[in-house]
Amino acid sequence: MLNEIPAFDFQKALAPFQKLVELNVSKIEAAVEAQKAATQGLVELTEARVKAASEIKDADSFSAFVKEQAELAQSNASKMIEDSKVAAEEAKAYGEEVQKIITESIEEAKANLK
């Protein structure tokens, strides 16, 4: 009776989970790197703006500083919009990859049951 039970390949059965883990790790690592780069960029921008503010000596330099700040605000708003579009595309691609892994594992499981 025990001889009738087919051998079970745990490594093969757990392969989809391993793929999901690897996918998640790569996405988390990419997100951490992106956050590090963004943080460094903000630090550098803040330092530059503090330096620019410290160089205000008169009404003209103040006016130039305010104009630069307005331009930076507009540029940052545009960048945030673009970044959110990229994030949405990446989230969609991630979901599609997860769905592909799940679909493949279901199809393989069905084939193995026959």
PDB file of N, CA and C in Angstrom:
ATOM      1  N   MET A   1       0.818  -1.199   0.000  1.00  0.00           N
ATOM      2  CA  MET A   1       0.000   0.000   0.000  1.00  0.00           C
ATOM      3  C   MET A   1       0.862   1.264   0.000  1.00  0.00           C
ATOM      4  N   LEU A   2       1.902   1.290   0.811  1.00  0.00           N
ATOM      5  CA  LEU A   2       2.779   2.459   0.824  1.00  0.00           C
ATOM      6  C   LEU A   2       3.536   2.606  -0.481  1.00  0.00           C
ATOM      7  N   ASN A   3       3.731   1.500  -1.175  1.00  0.00           N
ATOM      8  CA  ASN A   3       4.431   1.563  -2.453  1.00  0.00           C
ATOM      9  C   ASN A   3       3.591   2.260  -3.512  1.00  0.00           C
ATOM     10  N   GLU A   4       2.304   2.380  -3.296  1.00  0.00           N
ATOM     11  CA  GLU A   4       1.416   3.025  -4.256  1.00  0.00           C
ATOM     12  C   GLU A   4       1.439   4.556  -4.150  1.00  0.00           C
ATOM     13  N   ILE A   5       1.955   5.061  -3.057  1.00  0.00           N
ATOM     14  CA  ILE A   5       2.017   6.508  -2.860  1.00  0.00           C
ATOM     15  C   ILE A   5       3.186   7.041  -3.677  1.00  0.00           C
ATOM     16  N   PRO A   6       2.899   7.968  -4.590  1.00  0.00           N
ATOM     17  CA  PRO A   6       3.994   8.498  -5.414  1.00  0.00           C
ATOM     18  C   PRO A   6       4.959   9.329  -4.572  1.00  0.00           C
ATOM     19  N   ALA A   7       6.216   9.327  -4.994  1.00  0.00           N
ATOM     20  CA  ALA A   7       7.223  10.128  -4.302  1.00  0.00           C
ATOM     21  C   ALA A   7       6.863  11.605  -4.457  1.00  0.00           C
ATOM     22  N   PHE A   8       7.125  12.358  -3.430  1.00  0.00           N
ATOM     23  CA  PHE A   8       6.791  13.783  -3.449  1.00  0.00           C
ATOM     24  C   PHE A   8       8.083  14.582  -3.463  1.00  0.00           C
ATOM     25  N   ASP A   9       8.245  15.397  -4.460  1.00  0.00           N
ATOM     26  CA  ASP A   9       9.438  16.222  -4.617  1.00  0.00           C
ATOM     27  C   ASP A   9       9.166  17.580  -3.975  1.00  0.00           C
ATOM     28  N   PHE A  10       9.618  17.732  -2.724  1.00  0.00           N
ATOM     29  CA  PHE A  10       9.366  18.971  -1.994  1.00  0.00           C
ATOM     30  C   PHE A  10      10.043  20.168  -2.655  1.00  0.00           C
ATOM     31  N   GLN A  11      11.236  19.944  -3.168  1.00  0.00           N
ATOM     32  CA  GLN A  11      11.949  21.053  -3.800  1.00  0.00           C
ATOM     33  C   GLN A  11      11.175  21.570  -5.010  1.00  0.00           C
ATOM     34  N   LYS A  12      10.653  20.655  -5.797  1.00  0.00           N
ATOM     35  CA  LYS A  12       9.873  21.048  -6.963  1.00  0.00           C
ATOM     36  C   LYS A  12       8.559  21.702  -6.536  1.00  0.00           C
ATOM     37  N   ALA A  13       7.951  21.154  -5.497  1.00  0.00           N
ATOM     38  CA  ALA A  13       6.677  21.697  -5.027  1.00  0.00           C
ATOM     39  C   ALA A  13       6.832  23.102  -4.457  1.00  0.00           C
ATOM     40  N   LEU A  14       7.967  23.364  -3.857  1.00  0.00           N
ATOM     41  CA  LEU A  14       8.192  24.670  -3.229  1.00  0.00           C
ATOM     42  C   LEU A  14       8.848  25.682  -4.171  1.00  0.00           C
ATOM     43  N   ALA A  15       9.153  25.263  -5.387  1.00  0.00           N
ATOM     44  CA  ALA A  15       9.806  26.161  -6.355  1.00  0.00           C
ATOM     45  C   ALA A  15       9.027  27.457  -6.589  1.00  0.00           C
ATOM     46  N   PRO A  16       7.693  27.412  -6.736  1.00  0.00           N
ATOM     47  CA  PRO A  16       6.964  28.681  -6.925  1.00  0.00           C
ATOM     48  C   PRO A  16       7.127  29.634  -5.739  1.00  0.00           C
ATOM     49  N   PHE A  17       7.163  29.083  -4.531  1.00  0.00           N
ATOM     50  CA  PHE A  17       7.346  29.933  -3.355  1.00  0.00           C
ATOM     51  C   PHE A  17       8.733  30.562  -3.375  1.00  0.00           C
ATOM     52  N   GLN A  18       9.729  29.774  -3.812  1.00  0.00           N
ATOM     53  CA  GLN A  18      11.084  30.294  -3.916  1.00  0.00           C
ATOM     54  C   GLN A  18      11.139  31.425  -4.935  1.00  0.00           C
ATOM     55  N   LYS A  19      10.441  31.267  -6.067  1.00  0.00           N
ATOM     56  CA  LYS A  19      10.397  32.322  -7.077  1.00  0.00           C
ATOM     57  C   LYS A  19       9.757  33.589  -6.507  1.00  0.00           C
ATOM     58  N   LEU A  20       8.683  33.408  -5.743  1.00  0.00           N
ATOM     59  CA  LEU A  20       8.021  34.570  -5.135  1.00  0.00           C
ATOM     60  C   LEU A  20       8.929  35.260  -4.131  1.00  0.00           C
ATOM     61  N   VAL A  21       9.646  34.465  -3.347  1.00  0.00           N
ATOM     62  CA  VAL A  21      10.578  35.039  -2.369  1.00  0.00           C
ATOM     63  C   VAL A  21      11.658  35.832  -3.090  1.00  0.00           C
ATOM     64  N   GLU A  22      12.230  35.239  -4.146  1.00  0.00           N
ATOM     65  CA  GLU A  22      13.286  35.924  -4.901  1.00  0.00           C
ATOM     66  C   GLU A  22      12.763  37.211  -5.545  1.00  0.00           C
ATOM     67  N   LEU A  23      11.553  37.153  -6.080  1.00  0.00           N
ATOM     68  CA  LEU A  23      10.938  38.346  -6.676  1.00  0.00           C
ATOM     69  C   LEU A  23      10.753  39.430  -5.617  1.00  0.00           C
ATOM     70  N   ASN A  24      10.225  39.044  -4.465  1.00  0.00           N
ATOM     71  CA  ASN A  24       9.997  40.022  -3.395  1.00  0.00           C
ATOM     72  C   ASN A  24      11.306  40.615  -2.885  1.00  0.00           C
ATOM     73  N   VAL A  25      12.310  39.780  -2.714  1.00  0.00           N
ATOM     74  CA  VAL A  25      13.607  40.286  -2.245  1.00  0.00           C
ATOM     75  C   VAL A  25      14.172  41.291  -3.245  1.00  0.00           C
ATOM     76  N   SER A  26      14.104  40.961  -4.537  1.00  0.00           N
ATOM     77  CA  SER A  26      14.648  41.891  -5.535  1.00  0.00           C
ATOM     78  C   SER A  26      13.880  43.209  -5.547  1.00  0.00           C
ATOM     79  N   LYS A  27      12.561  43.141  -5.384  1.00  0.00           N
ATOM     80  CA  LYS A  27      11.759  44.375  -5.369  1.00  0.00           C
ATOM     81  C   LYS A  27      12.054  45.199  -4.116  1.00  0.00           C
ATOM     82  N   ILE A  28      12.212  44.537  -2.985  1.00  0.00           N
ATOM     83  CA  ILE A  28      12.521  45.253  -1.742  1.00  0.00           C
ATOM     84  C   ILE A  28      13.893  45.905  -1.840  1.00  0.00           C
ATOM     85  N   GLU A  29      14.872  45.165  -2.359  1.00  0.00           N
ATOM     86  CA  GLU A  29      16.218  45.730  -2.508  1.00  0.00           C
ATOM     87  C   GLU A  29      16.200  46.945  -3.435  1.00  0.00           C
ATOM     88  N   ALA A  30      15.459  46.846  -4.526  1.00  0.00           N
ATOM     89  CA  ALA A  30      15.365  47.969  -5.465  1.00  0.00           C
ATOM     90  C   ALA A  30      14.697  49.172  -4.796  1.00  0.00           C
ATOM     91  N   ALA A  31      13.660  48.917  -4.005  1.00  0.00           N
ATOM     92  CA  ALA A  31      12.972  50.014  -3.315  1.00  0.00           C
ATOM     93  C   ALA A  31      13.887  50.680  -2.286  1.00  0.00           C
ATOM     94  N   VAL A  32      14.651  49.884  -1.565  1.00  0.00           N
ATOM     95  CA  VAL A  32      15.580  50.441  -0.571  1.00  0.00           C
ATOM     96  C   VAL A  32      16.645  51.295  -1.259  1.00  0.00           C
ATOM     97  N   GLU A  33      17.187  50.798  -2.366  1.00  0.00           N
ATOM     98  CA  GLU A  33      18.196  51.566  -3.102  1.00  0.00           C
ATOM     99  C   GLU A  33      17.612  52.878  -3.634  1.00  0.00           C
ATOM    100  N   ALA A  34      16.387  52.811  -4.135  1.00  0.00           N
ATOM    101  CA  ALA A  34      15.736  54.027  -4.640  1.00  0.00           C
ATOM    102  C   ALA A  34      15.516  55.028  -3.511  1.00  0.00           C
ATOM    103  N   GLN A  35      15.120  54.538  -2.349  1.00  0.00           N
ATOM    104  CA  GLN A  35      14.917  55.421  -1.200  1.00  0.00           C
ATOM    105  C   GLN A  35      16.234  56.035  -0.739  1.00  0.00           C
ATOM    106  N   LYS A  36      17.300  55.238  -0.745  1.00  0.00           N
ATOM    107  CA  LYS A  36      18.610  55.774  -0.371  1.00  0.00           C
ATOM    108  C   LYS A  36      19.025  56.885  -1.324  1.00  0.00           C
ATOM    109  N   ALA A  37      18.836  56.657  -2.614  1.00  0.00           N
ATOM    110  CA  ALA A  37      19.199  57.671  -3.609  1.00  0.00           C
ATOM    111  C   ALA A  37      18.342  58.924  -3.437  1.00  0.00           C
ATOM    112  N   ALA A  38      17.055  58.736  -3.203  1.00  0.00           N
ATOM    113  CA  ALA A  38      16.159  59.878  -3.014  1.00  0.00           C
ATOM    114  C   ALA A  38      16.542  60.664  -1.764  1.00  0.00           C
ATOM    115  N   THR A  39      16.868  59.954  -0.702  1.00  0.00           N
ATOM    116  CA  THR A  39      17.268  60.618   0.541  1.00  0.00           C
ATOM    117  C   THR A  39      18.549  61.410   0.335  1.00  0.00           C
ATOM    118  N   GLN A  40      19.512  60.815  -0.356  1.00  0.00           N
ATOM    119  CA  GLN A  40      20.769  61.524  -0.629  1.00  0.00           C
ATOM    120  C   GLN A  40      20.502  62.767  -1.466  1.00  0.00           C
ATOM    121  N   GLY A  41      19.618  62.643  -2.447  1.00  0.00           N
ATOM    122  CA  GLY A  41      19.261  63.797  -3.262  1.00  0.00           C
ATOM    123  C   GLY A  41      18.626  64.905  -2.444  1.00  0.00           C
ATOM    124  N   LEU A  42      17.765  64.542  -1.513  1.00  0.00           N
ATOM    125  CA  LEU A  42      17.134  65.546  -0.655  1.00  0.00           C
ATOM    126  C   LEU A  42      18.149  66.214   0.271  1.00  0.00           C
ATOM    127  N   VAL A  43      19.084  65.443   0.775  1.00  0.00           N
ATOM    128  CA  VAL A  43      20.131  66.014   1.631  1.00  0.00           C
ATOM    129  C   VAL A  43      20.941  67.046   0.833  1.00  0.00           C
ATOM    130  N   GLU A  44      21.338  66.652  -0.376  1.00  0.00           N
ATOM    131  CA  GLU A  44      22.125  67.562  -1.206  1.00  0.00           C
ATOM    132  C   GLU A  44      21.332  68.811  -1.578  1.00  0.00           C
ATOM    133  N   LEU A  45      20.055  68.638  -1.913  1.00  0.00           N
ATOM    134  CA  LEU A  45      19.203  69.786  -2.244  1.00  0.00           C
ATOM    135  C   LEU A  45      19.055  70.711  -1.037  1.00  0.00           C
ATOM    136  N   THR A  46      18.831  70.133   0.130  1.00  0.00           N
ATOM    137  CA  THR A  46      18.684  70.942   1.338  1.00  0.00           C
ATOM    138  C   THR A  46      19.955  71.725   1.630  1.00  0.00           C
ATOM    139  N   GLU A  47      21.088  71.066   1.523  1.00  0.00           N
ATOM    140  CA  GLU A  47      22.359  71.762   1.751  1.00  0.00           C
ATOM    141  C   GLU A  47      22.539  72.915   0.767  1.00  0.00           C
ATOM    142  N   ALA A  48      22.212  72.677  -0.496  1.00  0.00           N
ATOM    143  CA  ALA A  48      22.344  73.718  -1.520  1.00  0.00           C
ATOM    144  C   ALA A  48      21.399  74.882  -1.246  1.00  0.00           C
ATOM    145  N   ARG A  49      20.170  74.568  -0.822  1.00  0.00           N
ATOM    146  CA  ARG A  49      19.211  75.636  -0.567  1.00  0.00           C
ATOM    147  C   ARG A  49      19.568  76.426   0.691  1.00  0.00           C
ATOM    148  N   VAL A  50      20.111  75.768   1.706  1.00  0.00           N
ATOM    149  CA  VAL A  50      20.562  76.482   2.907  1.00  0.00           C
ATOM    150  C   VAL A  50      21.706  77.416   2.529  1.00  0.00           C
ATOM    151  N   LYS A  51      22.620  76.935   1.707  1.00  0.00           N
ATOM    152  CA  LYS A  51      23.732  77.776   1.259  1.00  0.00           C
ATOM    153  C   LYS A  51      23.199  78.966   0.465  1.00  0.00           C
ATOM    154  N   ALA A  52      22.251  78.697  -0.446  1.00  0.00           N
ATOM    155  CA  ALA A  52      21.670  79.780  -1.241  1.00  0.00           C
ATOM    156  C   ALA A  52      20.968  80.794  -0.338  1.00  0.00           C
ATOM    157  N   ALA A  53      20.260  80.318   0.665  1.00  0.00           N
ATOM    158  CA  ALA A  53      19.574  81.237   1.587  1.00  0.00           C
ATOM    159  C   ALA A  53      20.569  82.065   2.383  1.00  0.00           C
ATOM    160  N   SER A  54      21.684  81.463   2.740  1.00  0.00           N
ATOM    161  CA  SER A  54      22.684  82.205   3.527  1.00  0.00           C
ATOM    162  C   SER A  54      23.373  83.280   2.705  1.00  0.00           C
ATOM    163  N   GLU A  55      23.255  83.189   1.384  1.00  0.00           N
ATOM    164  CA  GLU A  55      23.886  84.177   0.510  1.00  0.00           C
ATOM    165  C   GLU A  55      22.954  85.335   0.157  1.00  0.00           C
ATOM    166  N   ILE A  56      21.754  85.348   0.732  1.00  0.00           N
ATOM    167  CA  ILE A  56      20.829  86.466   0.499  1.00  0.00           C
ATOM    168  C   ILE A  56      21.382  87.695   1.227  1.00  0.00           C
ATOM    169  N   LYS A  57      21.623  88.751   0.466  1.00  0.00           N
ATOM    170  CA  LYS A  57      22.205  89.969   1.043  1.00  0.00           C
ATOM    171  C   LYS A  57      21.344  91.202   0.827  1.00  0.00           C
ATOM    172  N   ASP A  58      20.435  91.096  -0.161  1.00  0.00           N
ATOM    173  CA  ASP A  58      19.630  92.271  -0.487  1.00  0.00           C
ATOM    174  C   ASP A  58      18.319  91.814  -1.122  1.00  0.00           C
ATOM    175  N   ALA A  59      17.519  92.784  -1.533  1.00  0.00           N
ATOM    176  CA  ALA A  59      16.207  92.474  -2.103  1.00  0.00           C
ATOM    177  C   ALA A  59      16.333  91.698  -3.414  1.00  0.00           C
ATOM    178  N   ASP A  60      17.322  92.020  -4.216  1.00  0.00           N
ATOM    179  CA  ASP A  60      17.496  91.320  -5.493  1.00  0.00           C
ATOM    180  C   ASP A  60      17.871  89.857  -5.278  1.00  0.00           C
ATOM    181  N   SER A  61      18.798  89.610  -4.362  1.00  0.00           N
ATOM    182  CA  SER A  61      19.196  88.221  -4.114  1.00  0.00           C
ATOM    183  C   SER A  61      18.055  87.442  -3.446  1.00  0.00           C
ATOM    184  N   PHE A  62      17.257  88.158  -2.629  1.00  0.00           N
ATOM    185  CA  PHE A  62      16.086  87.507  -2.030  1.00  0.00           C
ATOM    186  C   PHE A  62      15.071  87.139  -3.114  1.00  0.00           C
ATOM    187  N   SER A  63      14.842  88.050  -4.042  1.00  0.00           N
ATOM    188  CA  SER A  63      13.910  87.814  -5.140  1.00  0.00           C
ATOM    189  C   SER A  63      14.384  86.629  -5.991  1.00  0.00           C
ATOM    190  N   ALA A  64      15.674  86.564  -6.275  1.00  0.00           N
ATOM    191  CA  ALA A  64      16.231  85.456  -7.056  1.00  0.00           C
ATOM    192  C   ALA A  64      16.063  84.132  -6.311  1.00  0.00           C
ATOM    193  N   PHE A  65      16.284  84.173  -4.996  1.00  0.00           N
ATOM    194  CA  PHE A  65      16.129  82.967  -4.176  1.00  0.00           C
ATOM    195  C   PHE A  65      14.682  82.474  -4.216  1.00  0.00           C
ATOM    196  N   VAL A  66      13.741  83.375  -4.047  1.00  0.00           N
ATOM    197  CA  VAL A  66      12.321  83.008  -4.062  1.00  0.00           C
ATOM    198  C   VAL A  66      11.939  82.445  -5.430  1.00  0.00           C
ATOM    199  N   LYS A  67      12.448  83.050  -6.497  1.00  0.00           N
ATOM    200  CA  LYS A  67      12.164  82.557  -7.847  1.00  0.00           C
ATOM    201  C   LYS A  67      12.710  81.129  -8.016  1.00  0.00           C
ATOM    202  N   GLU A  68      13.940  80.900  -7.553  1.00  0.00           N
ATOM    203  CA  GLU A  68      14.526  79.555  -7.624  1.00  0.00           C
ATOM    204  C   GLU A  68      13.699  78.551  -6.824  1.00  0.00           C
ATOM    205  N   GLN A  69      13.220  78.962  -5.661  1.00  0.00           N
ATOM    206  CA  GLN A  69      12.403  78.076  -4.828  1.00  0.00           C
ATOM    207  C   GLN A  69      11.111  77.692  -5.554  1.00  0.00           C
ATOM    208  N   ALA A  70      10.499  78.676  -6.205  1.00  0.00           N
ATOM    209  CA  ALA A  70       9.261  78.406  -6.952  1.00  0.00           C
ATOM    210  C   ALA A  70       9.529  77.438  -8.103  1.00  0.00           C
ATOM    211  N   GLU A  71      10.646  77.631  -8.801  1.00  0.00           N
ATOM    212  CA  GLU A  71      11.011  76.735  -9.897  1.00  0.00           C
ATOM    213  C   GLU A  71      11.285  75.323  -9.379  1.00  0.00           C
ATOM    214  N   LEU A  72      11.970  75.238  -8.254  1.00  0.00           N
ATOM    215  CA  LEU A  72      12.233  73.934  -7.645  1.00  0.00           C
ATOM    216  C   LEU A  72      10.930  73.238  -7.228  1.00  0.00           C
ATOM    217  N   ALA A  73      10.009  74.008  -6.679  1.00  0.00           N
ATOM    218  CA  ALA A  73       8.718  73.435  -6.269  1.00  0.00           C
ATOM    219  C   ALA A  73       7.981  72.871  -7.472  1.00  0.00           C
ATOM    220  N   GLN A  74       7.974  73.625  -8.572  1.00  0.00           N
ATOM    221  CA  GLN A  74       7.313  73.150  -9.794  1.00  0.00           C
ATOM    222  C   GLN A  74       8.005  71.902 -10.330  1.00  0.00           C
ATOM    223  N   SER A  75       9.320  71.920 -10.360  1.00  0.00           N
ATOM    224  CA  SER A  75      10.094  70.782 -10.851  1.00  0.00           C
ATOM    225  C   SER A  75       9.847  69.542  -9.980  1.00  0.00           C
ATOM    226  N   ASN A  76       9.839  69.745  -8.667  1.00  0.00           N
ATOM    227  CA  ASN A  76       9.601  68.622  -7.750  1.00  0.00           C
ATOM    228  C   ASN A  76       8.196  68.067  -7.890  1.00  0.00           C
ATOM    229  N   ALA A  77       7.221  68.923  -8.125  1.00  0.00           N
ATOM    230  CA  ALA A  77       5.844  68.450  -8.323  1.00  0.00           C
ATOM    231  C   ALA A  77       5.756  67.606  -9.587  1.00  0.00           C
ATOM    232  N   SER A  78       6.414  68.044 -10.650  1.00  0.00           N
ATOM    233  CA  SER A  78       6.427  67.274 -11.896  1.00  0.00           C
ATOM    234  C   SER A  78       7.130  65.932 -11.700  1.00  0.00           C
ATOM    235  N   LYS A  79       8.234  65.957 -10.954  1.00  0.00           N
ATOM    236  CA  LYS A  79       8.975  64.719 -10.682  1.00  0.00           C
ATOM    237  C   LYS A  79       8.130  63.757  -9.854  1.00  0.00           C
ATOM    238  N   MET A  80       7.394  64.264  -8.890  1.00  0.00           N
ATOM    239  CA  MET A  80       6.538  63.402  -8.067  1.00  0.00           C
ATOM    240  C   MET A  80       5.470  62.732  -8.929  1.00  0.00           C
ATOM    241  N   ILE A  81       4.908  63.480  -9.864  1.00  0.00           N
ATOM    242  CA  ILE A  81       3.889  62.916 -10.760  1.00  0.00           C
ATOM    243  C   ILE A  81       4.512  61.816 -11.617  1.00  0.00           C
ATOM    244  N   GLU A  82       5.669  62.092 -12.175  1.00  0.00           N
ATOM    245  CA  GLU A  82       6.350  61.103 -13.015  1.00  0.00           C
ATOM    246  C   GLU A  82       6.744  59.874 -12.192  1.00  0.00           C
ATOM    247  N   ASP A  83       7.267  60.098 -10.998  1.00  0.00           N
ATOM    248  CA  ASP A  83       7.654  58.984 -10.124  1.00  0.00           C
ATOM    249  C   ASP A  83       6.450  58.118  -9.760  1.00  0.00           C
ATOM    250  N   SER A  84       5.299  58.746  -9.540  1.00  0.00           N
ATOM    251  CA  SER A  84       4.104  57.967  -9.193  1.00  0.00           C
ATOM    252  C   SER A  84       3.638  57.127 -10.382  1.00  0.00           C
ATOM    253  N   LYS A  85       3.810  57.650 -11.602  1.00  0.00           N
ATOM    254  CA  LYS A  85       3.476  56.867 -12.798  1.00  0.00           C
ATOM    255  C   LYS A  85       4.397  55.655 -12.913  1.00  0.00           C
ATOM    256  N   VAL A  86       5.687  55.873 -12.683  1.00  0.00           N
ATOM    257  CA  VAL A  86       6.656  54.775 -12.747  1.00  0.00           C
ATOM    258  C   VAL A  86       6.332  53.736 -11.669  1.00  0.00           C
ATOM    259  N   ALA A  87       6.009  54.202 -10.467  1.00  0.00           N
ATOM    260  CA  ALA A  87       5.671  53.277  -9.382  1.00  0.00           C
ATOM    261  C   ALA A  87       4.431  52.454  -9.725  1.00  0.00           C
ATOM    262  N   ALA A  88       3.451  53.085 -10.336  1.00  0.00           N
ATOM    263  CA  ALA A  88       2.235  52.358 -10.733  1.00  0.00           C
ATOM    264  C   ALA A  88       2.560  51.308 -11.788  1.00  0.00           C
ATOM    265  N   GLU A  89       3.422  51.647 -12.743  1.00  0.00           N
ATOM    266  CA  GLU A  89       3.825  50.685 -13.767  1.00  0.00           C
ATOM    267  C   GLU A  89       4.597  49.525 -13.146  1.00  0.00           C
ATOM    268  N   GLU A  90       5.471  49.825 -12.196  1.00  0.00           N
ATOM    269  CA  GLU A  90       6.239  48.778 -11.525  1.00  0.00           C
ATOM    270  C   GLU A  90       5.328  47.876 -10.696  1.00  0.00           C
ATOM    271  N   ALA A  91       4.347  48.454 -10.040  1.00  0.00           N
ATOM    272  CA  ALA A  91       3.397  47.659  -9.264  1.00  0.00           C
ATOM    273  C   ALA A  91       2.592  46.742 -10.178  1.00  0.00           C
ATOM    274  N   LYS A  92       2.201  47.256 -11.320  1.00  0.00           N
ATOM    275  CA  LYS A  92       1.454  46.445 -12.288  1.00  0.00           C
ATOM    276  C   LYS A  92       2.321  45.291 -12.781  1.00  0.00           C
ATOM    277  N   ALA A  93       3.581  45.572 -13.117  1.00  0.00           N
ATOM    278  CA  ALA A  93       4.498  44.537 -13.598  1.00  0.00           C
ATOM    279  C   ALA A  93       4.732  43.489 -12.515  1.00  0.00           C
ATOM    280  N   TYR A  94       4.851  43.933 -11.276  1.00  0.00           N
ATOM    281  CA  TYR A  94       5.028  43.007 -10.147  1.00  0.00           C
ATOM    282  C   TYR A  94       3.816  42.087 -10.031  1.00  0.00           C
ATOM    283  N   GLY A  95       2.634  42.657 -10.079  1.00  0.00           N
ATOM    284  CA  GLY A  95       1.407  41.856  -9.997  1.00  0.00           C
ATOM    285  C   GLY A  95       1.316  40.848 -11.129  1.00  0.00           C
ATOM    286  N   GLU A  96       1.706  41.275 -12.319  1.00  0.00           N
ATOM    287  CA  GLU A  96       1.690  40.364 -13.465  1.00  0.00           C
ATOM    288  C   GLU A  96       2.692  39.226 -13.277  1.00  0.00           C
ATOM    289  N   GLU A  97       3.857  39.535 -12.732  1.00  0.00           N
ATOM    290  CA  GLU A  97       4.873  38.501 -12.492  1.00  0.00           C
ATOM    291  C   GLU A  97       4.399  37.508 -11.430  1.00  0.00           C
ATOM    292  N   VAL A  98       3.785  38.009 -10.378  1.00  0.00           N
ATOM    293  CA  VAL A  98       3.241  37.123  -9.348  1.00  0.00           C
ATOM    294  C   VAL A  98       2.163  36.229  -9.949  1.00  0.00           C
ATOM    295  N   GLN A  99       1.279  36.821 -10.740  1.00  0.00           N
ATOM    296  CA  GLN A  99       0.211  36.038 -11.382  1.00  0.00           C
ATOM    297  C   GLN A  99       0.799  34.970 -12.299  1.00  0.00           C
ATOM    298  N   LYS A 100       1.850  35.318 -13.026  1.00  0.00           N
ATOM    299  CA  LYS A 100       2.496  34.354 -13.923  1.00  0.00           C
ATOM    300  C   LYS A 100       3.064  33.176 -13.130  1.00  0.00           C
ATOM    301  N   ILE A 101       3.740  33.460 -12.033  1.00  0.00           N
ATOM    302  CA  ILE A 101       4.310  32.394 -11.198  1.00  0.00           C
ATOM    303  C   ILE A 101       3.200  31.498 -10.665  1.00  0.00           C
ATOM    304  N   ILE A 102       2.133  32.092 -10.195  1.00  0.00           N
ATOM    305  CA  ILE A 102       1.018  31.315  -9.643  1.00  0.00           C
ATOM    306  C   ILE A 102       0.364  30.466 -10.740  1.00  0.00           C
ATOM    307  N   THR A 103       0.120  31.064 -11.882  1.00  0.00           N
ATOM    308  CA  THR A 103      -0.509  30.338 -12.994  1.00  0.00           C
ATOM    309  C   THR A 103       0.361  29.164 -13.435  1.00  0.00           C
ATOM    310  N   GLU A 104       1.651  29.411 -13.571  1.00  0.00           N
ATOM    311  CA  GLU A 104       2.564  28.335 -13.958  1.00  0.00           C
ATOM    312  C   GLU A 104       2.561  27.208 -12.938  1.00  0.00           C
ATOM    313  N   SER A 105       2.555  27.552 -11.655  1.00  0.00           N
ATOM    314  CA  SER A 105       2.580  26.513 -10.622  1.00  0.00           C
ATOM    315  C   SER A 105       1.274  25.723 -10.604  1.00  0.00           C
ATOM    316  N   ILE A 106       0.150  26.385 -10.867  1.00  0.00           N
ATOM    317  CA  ILE A 106      -1.135  25.683 -10.929  1.00  0.00           C
ATOM    318  C   ILE A 106      -1.162  24.732 -12.124  1.00  0.00           C
ATOM    319  N   GLU A 107      -0.686  25.218 -13.265  1.00  0.00           N
ATOM    320  CA  GLU A 107      -0.655  24.372 -14.459  1.00  0.00           C
ATOM    321  C   GLU A 107       0.250  23.174 -14.246  1.00  0.00           C
ATOM    322  N   GLU A 108       1.399  23.388 -13.619  1.00  0.00           N
ATOM    323  CA  GLU A 108       2.326  22.288 -13.346  1.00  0.00           C
ATOM    324  C   GLU A 108       1.709  21.293 -12.361  1.00  0.00           C
ATOM    325  N   ALA A 109       1.035  21.805 -11.363  1.00  0.00           N
ATOM    326  CA  ALA A 109       0.383  20.919 -10.389  1.00  0.00           C
ATOM    327  C   ALA A 109      -0.703  20.080 -11.060  1.00  0.00           C
ATOM    328  N   LYS A 110      -1.491  20.692 -11.940  1.00  0.00           N
ATOM    329  CA  LYS A 110      -2.520  19.958 -12.673  1.00  0.00           C
ATOM    330  C   LYS A 110      -1.893  18.861 -13.524  1.00  0.00           C
ATOM    331  N   ALA A 111      -0.793  19.197 -14.200  1.00  0.00           N
ATOM    332  CA  ALA A 111      -0.124  18.217 -15.062  1.00  0.00           C
ATOM    333  C   ALA A 111       0.419  17.052 -14.246  1.00  0.00           C
ATOM    334  N   ASN A 112       0.895  17.324 -13.047  1.00  0.00           N
ATOM    335  CA  ASN A 112       1.458  16.282 -12.196  1.00  0.00           C
ATOM    336  C   ASN A 112       0.385  15.389 -11.580  1.00  0.00           C
ATOM    337  N   LEU A 113      -0.830  15.879 -11.510  1.00  0.00           N
ATOM    338  CA  LEU A 113      -1.927  15.093 -10.939  1.00  0.00           C
ATOM    339  C   LEU A 113      -2.492  14.088 -11.940  1.00  0.00           C
ATOM    340  N   LYS A 114      -2.221  14.279 -13.204  1.00  0.00           N
ATOM    341  CA  LYS A 114      -2.765  13.402 -14.239  1.00  0.00           C
ATOM    342  C   LYS A 114      -2.006  12.115 -14.345  1.00  0.00           C
TER     343      LYS A 114
END
